[in-house]
N, C-alpha and C. Protein backbone atom coordinates (compact mmCIF):
# COMPACT_ATOMS: atom_id res chain seq x y z
N MET A 1 100.01 -19.14 3.06
CA MET A 1 98.59 -19.03 2.89
C MET A 1 98.24 -19.76 1.59
N THR A 2 97.24 -20.58 1.61
CA THR A 2 96.85 -21.31 0.41
C THR A 2 95.91 -20.48 -0.43
N GLN A 3 96.14 -20.52 -1.72
CA GLN A 3 95.32 -19.72 -2.63
C GLN A 3 93.86 -20.14 -2.54
N TRP A 4 93.61 -21.43 -2.59
CA TRP A 4 92.23 -21.90 -2.64
C TRP A 4 91.51 -21.67 -1.32
N GLY A 5 92.20 -21.81 -0.23
CA GLY A 5 91.57 -21.52 1.06
C GLY A 5 91.23 -20.05 1.18
N SER A 6 92.10 -19.20 0.68
CA SER A 6 91.85 -17.77 0.73
C SER A 6 90.65 -17.40 -0.13
N LYS A 7 90.57 -18.00 -1.28
CA LYS A 7 89.44 -17.71 -2.17
C LYS A 7 88.13 -18.13 -1.52
N ALA A 8 88.14 -19.29 -0.90
CA ALA A 8 86.92 -19.77 -0.25
C ALA A 8 86.49 -18.82 0.87
N LEU A 9 87.46 -18.33 1.63
CA LEU A 9 87.12 -17.38 2.69
C LEU A 9 86.59 -16.08 2.10
N GLY A 10 87.20 -15.63 1.01
CA GLY A 10 86.71 -14.43 0.33
C GLY A 10 85.30 -14.61 -0.17
N ASP A 11 85.02 -15.80 -0.72
CA ASP A 11 83.67 -16.10 -1.20
C ASP A 11 82.65 -16.09 -0.06
N GLN A 12 83.12 -16.37 1.15
CA GLN A 12 82.23 -16.36 2.32
C GLN A 12 82.06 -14.95 2.89
N GLY A 13 82.72 -13.97 2.28
CA GLY A 13 82.56 -12.59 2.73
C GLY A 13 83.66 -12.07 3.62
N TYR A 14 84.72 -12.88 3.84
CA TYR A 14 85.82 -12.41 4.66
C TYR A 14 86.55 -11.27 3.95
N SER A 15 86.96 -10.26 4.69
CA SER A 15 87.76 -9.17 4.13
C SER A 15 89.23 -9.63 4.06
N PRO A 16 90.08 -8.91 3.35
CA PRO A 16 91.50 -9.30 3.29
C PRO A 16 92.13 -9.43 4.67
N ILE A 17 91.86 -8.49 5.57
CA ILE A 17 92.46 -8.57 6.90
C ILE A 17 91.89 -9.76 7.68
N GLN A 18 90.63 -10.08 7.49
CA GLN A 18 90.05 -11.24 8.16
C GLN A 18 90.68 -12.53 7.66
N ILE A 19 90.98 -12.59 6.37
CA ILE A 19 91.64 -13.78 5.82
C ILE A 19 93.04 -13.91 6.41
N LEU A 20 93.79 -12.81 6.47
CA LEU A 20 95.12 -12.86 7.07
C LEU A 20 95.05 -13.31 8.53
N ARG A 21 94.11 -12.77 9.26
CA ARG A 21 93.97 -13.14 10.67
C ARG A 21 93.55 -14.60 10.83
N TYR A 22 92.78 -15.12 9.90
CA TYR A 22 92.37 -16.52 9.93
C TYR A 22 93.61 -17.42 9.90
N TYR A 23 94.58 -17.06 9.05
CA TYR A 23 95.78 -17.87 8.89
C TYR A 23 96.89 -17.53 9.88
N TYR A 24 97.01 -16.25 10.25
CA TYR A 24 98.18 -15.82 11.01
C TYR A 24 97.88 -15.31 12.42
N GLY A 25 96.63 -15.26 12.82
CA GLY A 25 96.30 -14.82 14.17
C GLY A 25 95.72 -13.42 14.21
N ASP A 26 95.17 -13.11 15.38
CA ASP A 26 94.45 -11.86 15.54
C ASP A 26 95.33 -10.62 15.67
N ASN A 27 96.64 -10.81 15.80
CA ASN A 27 97.49 -9.63 15.97
C ASN A 27 97.97 -9.06 14.63
N MET A 28 97.41 -9.51 13.53
CA MET A 28 97.75 -8.97 12.21
C MET A 28 96.99 -7.66 11.99
N TYR A 29 97.66 -6.71 11.34
CA TYR A 29 96.99 -5.47 10.97
C TYR A 29 97.56 -4.99 9.63
N ILE A 30 96.83 -4.12 8.98
CA ILE A 30 97.28 -3.53 7.73
C ILE A 30 97.54 -2.06 8.00
N ASN A 31 98.76 -1.64 7.72
CA ASN A 31 99.14 -0.26 7.91
C ASN A 31 99.01 0.47 6.59
N THR A 32 98.51 1.68 6.61
CA THR A 32 98.38 2.47 5.39
C THR A 32 99.13 3.78 5.54
N ALA A 33 99.43 4.37 4.42
CA ALA A 33 100.10 5.67 4.41
C ALA A 33 99.26 6.64 3.59
N GLU A 34 99.32 7.89 3.94
CA GLU A 34 98.58 8.91 3.21
C GLU A 34 99.09 9.04 1.78
N ALA A 35 100.42 9.08 1.64
CA ALA A 35 101.00 9.27 0.31
C ALA A 35 102.39 8.66 0.28
N ILE A 36 102.78 8.24 -0.88
CA ILE A 36 104.12 7.73 -1.09
C ILE A 36 104.84 8.74 -1.97
N SER A 37 106.00 9.17 -1.53
CA SER A 37 106.71 10.17 -2.32
C SER A 37 108.01 9.59 -2.85
N GLY A 38 108.52 10.22 -3.89
CA GLY A 38 109.82 9.85 -4.43
C GLY A 38 109.81 8.69 -5.39
N ILE A 39 108.64 8.16 -5.71
CA ILE A 39 108.57 7.03 -6.63
C ILE A 39 108.05 7.53 -7.96
N PRO A 40 108.83 7.34 -9.03
CA PRO A 40 108.35 7.81 -10.34
C PRO A 40 107.04 7.13 -10.72
N SER A 41 106.15 7.90 -11.32
CA SER A 41 104.89 7.32 -11.74
C SER A 41 105.01 6.72 -13.13
N SER A 42 104.02 5.98 -13.51
CA SER A 42 104.08 5.25 -14.77
C SER A 42 103.83 6.15 -15.97
N TRP A 43 104.18 5.62 -17.12
CA TRP A 43 104.01 6.31 -18.40
C TRP A 43 102.57 6.76 -18.55
N PRO A 44 102.36 7.97 -19.06
CA PRO A 44 100.99 8.49 -19.13
C PRO A 44 100.09 7.78 -20.14
N GLY A 45 100.67 6.97 -21.02
CA GLY A 45 99.86 6.26 -22.00
C GLY A 45 99.83 6.94 -23.36
N TYR A 46 100.53 8.05 -23.46
CA TYR A 46 100.61 8.78 -24.73
C TYR A 46 101.96 9.50 -24.77
N ASN A 47 102.44 9.79 -25.97
CA ASN A 47 103.72 10.47 -26.12
C ASN A 47 103.61 11.92 -25.67
N LEU A 48 104.68 12.41 -25.06
CA LEU A 48 104.79 13.82 -24.73
C LEU A 48 105.62 14.48 -25.83
N THR A 49 105.06 15.52 -26.44
CA THR A 49 105.71 16.21 -27.55
C THR A 49 105.61 17.72 -27.33
N GLN A 50 106.29 18.47 -28.18
CA GLN A 50 106.18 19.92 -28.09
C GLN A 50 104.71 20.32 -28.17
N GLY A 51 104.32 21.18 -27.25
CA GLY A 51 102.92 21.59 -27.16
C GLY A 51 102.16 20.87 -26.06
N SER A 52 102.69 19.72 -25.60
CA SER A 52 102.06 19.02 -24.47
C SER A 52 102.19 19.85 -23.21
N THR A 53 101.22 19.73 -22.32
CA THR A 53 101.25 20.45 -21.05
C THR A 53 100.70 19.55 -19.96
N GLY A 54 100.97 19.92 -18.72
CA GLY A 54 100.35 19.23 -17.59
C GLY A 54 101.33 18.61 -16.62
N ASP A 55 100.76 17.85 -15.70
CA ASP A 55 101.54 17.25 -14.61
C ASP A 55 102.58 16.25 -15.10
N LYS A 56 102.25 15.46 -16.12
CA LYS A 56 103.21 14.47 -16.62
C LYS A 56 104.41 15.16 -17.28
N VAL A 57 104.15 16.27 -17.95
CA VAL A 57 105.26 17.04 -18.53
C VAL A 57 106.12 17.60 -17.41
N ARG A 58 105.49 18.17 -16.40
CA ARG A 58 106.23 18.74 -15.27
C ARG A 58 107.07 17.65 -14.57
N GLN A 59 106.47 16.49 -14.36
CA GLN A 59 107.20 15.41 -13.70
C GLN A 59 108.43 15.02 -14.51
N MET A 60 108.27 14.86 -15.81
CA MET A 60 109.39 14.51 -16.67
C MET A 60 110.45 15.60 -16.64
N GLN A 61 110.03 16.86 -16.67
CA GLN A 61 110.98 17.96 -16.61
C GLN A 61 111.74 17.98 -15.28
N GLU A 62 111.04 17.72 -14.19
CA GLU A 62 111.71 17.67 -12.88
C GLU A 62 112.74 16.56 -12.83
N GLN A 63 112.40 15.40 -13.39
CA GLN A 63 113.33 14.29 -13.40
C GLN A 63 114.54 14.61 -14.29
N LEU A 64 114.30 15.20 -15.45
CA LEU A 64 115.41 15.57 -16.33
C LEU A 64 116.31 16.61 -15.65
N ALA A 65 115.74 17.52 -14.89
CA ALA A 65 116.54 18.52 -14.18
C ALA A 65 117.47 17.85 -13.18
N VAL A 66 116.99 16.85 -12.47
CA VAL A 66 117.83 16.11 -11.52
C VAL A 66 118.91 15.35 -12.28
N ILE A 67 118.52 14.69 -13.37
CA ILE A 67 119.47 13.91 -14.17
C ILE A 67 120.57 14.82 -14.73
N SER A 68 120.20 16.02 -15.15
CA SER A 68 121.20 16.92 -15.74
C SER A 68 122.27 17.32 -14.73
N GLY A 69 121.98 17.22 -13.44
CA GLY A 69 123.00 17.47 -12.43
C GLY A 69 124.10 16.44 -12.45
N ALA A 70 123.76 15.21 -12.80
CA ALA A 70 124.73 14.12 -12.87
C ALA A 70 125.31 13.97 -14.28
N TYR A 71 124.57 14.45 -15.28
CA TYR A 71 124.98 14.36 -16.68
C TYR A 71 124.95 15.78 -17.27
N PRO A 72 126.02 16.55 -17.07
CA PRO A 72 126.00 17.96 -17.46
C PRO A 72 125.82 18.21 -18.96
N ALA A 73 125.98 17.21 -19.80
CA ALA A 73 125.74 17.40 -21.23
C ALA A 73 124.25 17.64 -21.51
N ILE A 74 123.41 17.18 -20.60
CA ILE A 74 121.96 17.38 -20.75
C ILE A 74 121.62 18.76 -20.22
N PRO A 75 121.04 19.62 -21.06
CA PRO A 75 120.75 20.99 -20.62
C PRO A 75 119.77 21.04 -19.46
N LYS A 76 120.00 21.99 -18.56
CA LYS A 76 119.04 22.25 -17.47
C LYS A 76 117.79 22.88 -18.06
N ILE A 77 116.64 22.44 -17.58
CA ILE A 77 115.38 23.02 -18.03
C ILE A 77 114.54 23.41 -16.83
N THR A 78 113.59 24.28 -17.05
CA THR A 78 112.65 24.70 -16.02
C THR A 78 111.45 23.77 -16.05
N ALA A 79 111.06 23.29 -14.88
CA ALA A 79 109.89 22.41 -14.78
C ALA A 79 108.64 23.27 -14.66
N ASP A 80 108.10 23.67 -15.82
CA ASP A 80 106.92 24.53 -15.83
C ASP A 80 105.67 23.83 -16.36
N GLY A 81 105.81 22.55 -16.75
CA GLY A 81 104.66 21.80 -17.25
C GLY A 81 104.32 22.10 -18.69
N ILE A 82 105.18 22.84 -19.37
CA ILE A 82 104.95 23.17 -20.78
C ILE A 82 106.10 22.60 -21.60
N TYR A 83 105.78 21.72 -22.54
CA TYR A 83 106.79 21.05 -23.36
C TYR A 83 107.13 21.94 -24.55
N GLY A 84 108.15 22.78 -24.34
CA GLY A 84 108.57 23.70 -25.38
C GLY A 84 109.87 23.25 -26.03
N PRO A 85 110.46 24.13 -26.84
CA PRO A 85 111.70 23.79 -27.54
C PRO A 85 112.86 23.42 -26.62
N ALA A 86 112.99 24.09 -25.48
CA ALA A 86 114.08 23.78 -24.55
C ALA A 86 113.93 22.36 -23.99
N THR A 87 112.70 21.98 -23.67
CA THR A 87 112.45 20.62 -23.17
C THR A 87 112.75 19.61 -24.27
N ALA A 88 112.32 19.89 -25.49
CA ALA A 88 112.58 18.97 -26.60
C ALA A 88 114.08 18.80 -26.82
N ALA A 89 114.84 19.89 -26.71
CA ALA A 89 116.29 19.81 -26.88
C ALA A 89 116.93 18.98 -25.77
N ALA A 90 116.47 19.17 -24.54
CA ALA A 90 117.00 18.38 -23.42
C ALA A 90 116.65 16.90 -23.59
N VAL A 91 115.45 16.61 -24.07
CA VAL A 91 115.04 15.22 -24.30
C VAL A 91 115.91 14.61 -25.40
N ARG A 92 116.15 15.36 -26.49
CA ARG A 92 117.00 14.84 -27.58
C ARG A 92 118.40 14.53 -27.07
N LYS A 93 118.95 15.41 -26.24
CA LYS A 93 120.30 15.17 -25.69
C LYS A 93 120.28 13.96 -24.76
N PHE A 94 119.25 13.84 -23.93
CA PHE A 94 119.11 12.67 -23.06
C PHE A 94 119.07 11.41 -23.92
N GLN A 95 118.27 11.42 -24.96
CA GLN A 95 118.16 10.26 -25.84
C GLN A 95 119.51 9.94 -26.48
N SER A 96 120.26 10.95 -26.86
CA SER A 96 121.58 10.74 -27.45
C SER A 96 122.53 10.09 -26.45
N VAL A 97 122.55 10.61 -25.22
CA VAL A 97 123.44 10.09 -24.18
C VAL A 97 123.13 8.64 -23.85
N PHE A 98 121.85 8.28 -23.87
CA PHE A 98 121.44 6.93 -23.45
C PHE A 98 121.06 6.00 -24.59
N GLY A 99 121.48 6.35 -25.80
CA GLY A 99 121.35 5.43 -26.93
C GLY A 99 119.94 5.21 -27.45
N LEU A 100 119.09 6.19 -27.29
CA LEU A 100 117.73 6.10 -27.80
C LEU A 100 117.61 6.92 -29.09
N PRO A 101 116.63 6.64 -29.94
CA PRO A 101 116.42 7.47 -31.12
C PRO A 101 116.20 8.93 -30.71
N GLN A 102 116.89 9.84 -31.34
CA GLN A 102 116.89 11.25 -30.96
C GLN A 102 115.72 11.99 -31.61
N THR A 103 114.54 11.75 -31.09
CA THR A 103 113.32 12.33 -31.65
C THR A 103 112.87 13.60 -30.92
N GLY A 104 113.29 13.76 -29.67
CA GLY A 104 112.78 14.85 -28.86
C GLY A 104 111.39 14.60 -28.33
N ILE A 105 110.89 13.39 -28.56
CA ILE A 105 109.56 12.97 -28.11
C ILE A 105 109.73 11.99 -26.95
N VAL A 106 108.98 12.20 -25.88
CA VAL A 106 109.03 11.26 -24.76
C VAL A 106 107.99 10.19 -25.01
N ASP A 107 108.47 9.10 -25.62
CA ASP A 107 107.62 7.93 -25.87
C ASP A 107 107.84 6.94 -24.73
N TYR A 108 107.25 5.78 -24.86
CA TYR A 108 107.34 4.76 -23.81
C TYR A 108 108.79 4.43 -23.42
N PRO A 109 109.67 4.08 -24.39
CA PRO A 109 111.05 3.76 -23.99
C PRO A 109 111.78 4.94 -23.35
N THR A 110 111.54 6.14 -23.86
CA THR A 110 112.22 7.31 -23.29
C THR A 110 111.71 7.60 -21.89
N TRP A 111 110.39 7.51 -21.67
CA TRP A 111 109.82 7.74 -20.33
C TRP A 111 110.48 6.82 -19.30
N TYR A 112 110.55 5.53 -19.62
CA TYR A 112 111.09 4.59 -18.65
C TYR A 112 112.60 4.70 -18.49
N LYS A 113 113.30 5.13 -19.52
CA LYS A 113 114.74 5.36 -19.37
C LYS A 113 114.97 6.58 -18.49
N ILE A 114 114.16 7.63 -18.67
CA ILE A 114 114.26 8.79 -17.77
C ILE A 114 113.99 8.35 -16.33
N SER A 115 112.94 7.55 -16.12
CA SER A 115 112.61 7.07 -14.77
C SER A 115 113.75 6.25 -14.19
N GLU A 116 114.32 5.35 -15.00
CA GLU A 116 115.41 4.49 -14.54
C GLU A 116 116.62 5.32 -14.12
N ILE A 117 117.01 6.26 -14.96
CA ILE A 117 118.19 7.07 -14.66
C ILE A 117 117.90 7.99 -13.48
N TYR A 118 116.71 8.54 -13.42
CA TYR A 118 116.33 9.40 -12.29
C TYR A 118 116.45 8.65 -10.96
N VAL A 119 115.94 7.43 -10.92
CA VAL A 119 116.03 6.64 -9.69
C VAL A 119 117.50 6.44 -9.31
N GLY A 120 118.33 6.15 -10.30
CA GLY A 120 119.75 5.93 -10.02
C GLY A 120 120.46 7.17 -9.52
N VAL A 121 120.23 8.31 -10.16
CA VAL A 121 120.97 9.51 -9.77
C VAL A 121 120.40 10.18 -8.53
N SER A 122 119.12 9.97 -8.25
CA SER A 122 118.53 10.59 -7.06
C SER A 122 118.65 9.68 -5.84
N ARG A 123 119.11 8.47 -6.07
CA ARG A 123 119.37 7.50 -5.00
C ARG A 123 118.12 7.10 -4.21
N ILE A 124 116.93 7.23 -4.82
CA ILE A 124 115.73 6.82 -4.08
C ILE A 124 115.62 5.31 -3.98
N ALA A 125 116.43 4.61 -4.77
CA ALA A 125 116.36 3.16 -4.73
C ALA A 125 117.32 2.55 -3.72
N GLU A 126 118.16 3.38 -3.10
CA GLU A 126 119.12 2.84 -2.15
C GLU A 126 118.44 2.44 -0.84
N LEU A 127 118.93 1.38 -0.27
CA LEU A 127 118.45 1.00 1.06
C LEU A 127 119.23 1.80 2.08
N VAL A 128 118.55 2.33 3.04
CA VAL A 128 119.20 3.16 4.05
C VAL A 128 119.33 2.37 5.32
């Protein structure tokens, strides 16, 4: 599909599916899903520290709980959405194991390292 031809069709009011059908035929369709599961979400845009609460804390705690199954040096924690001392200790140990500064704070590098290791140990990245 040519970029400029697609843009011209868009400028004429064609929808994305109409543009695809213009180039590839009328049997093209777009399939959608209600929800995608098992894919880690992106960094919340702020550090998670002791006292933080909410869904992003719970998600991080759930991922750390899975990781601790493969890395027993990392303490098991409860995914309750409250970033308390036990979560901070588990984060510090995770940071120690994976060569990150041991702050107990889930900053950008720590969030993505947790996500990377979680994907590896939970095998969601494997092709079936």
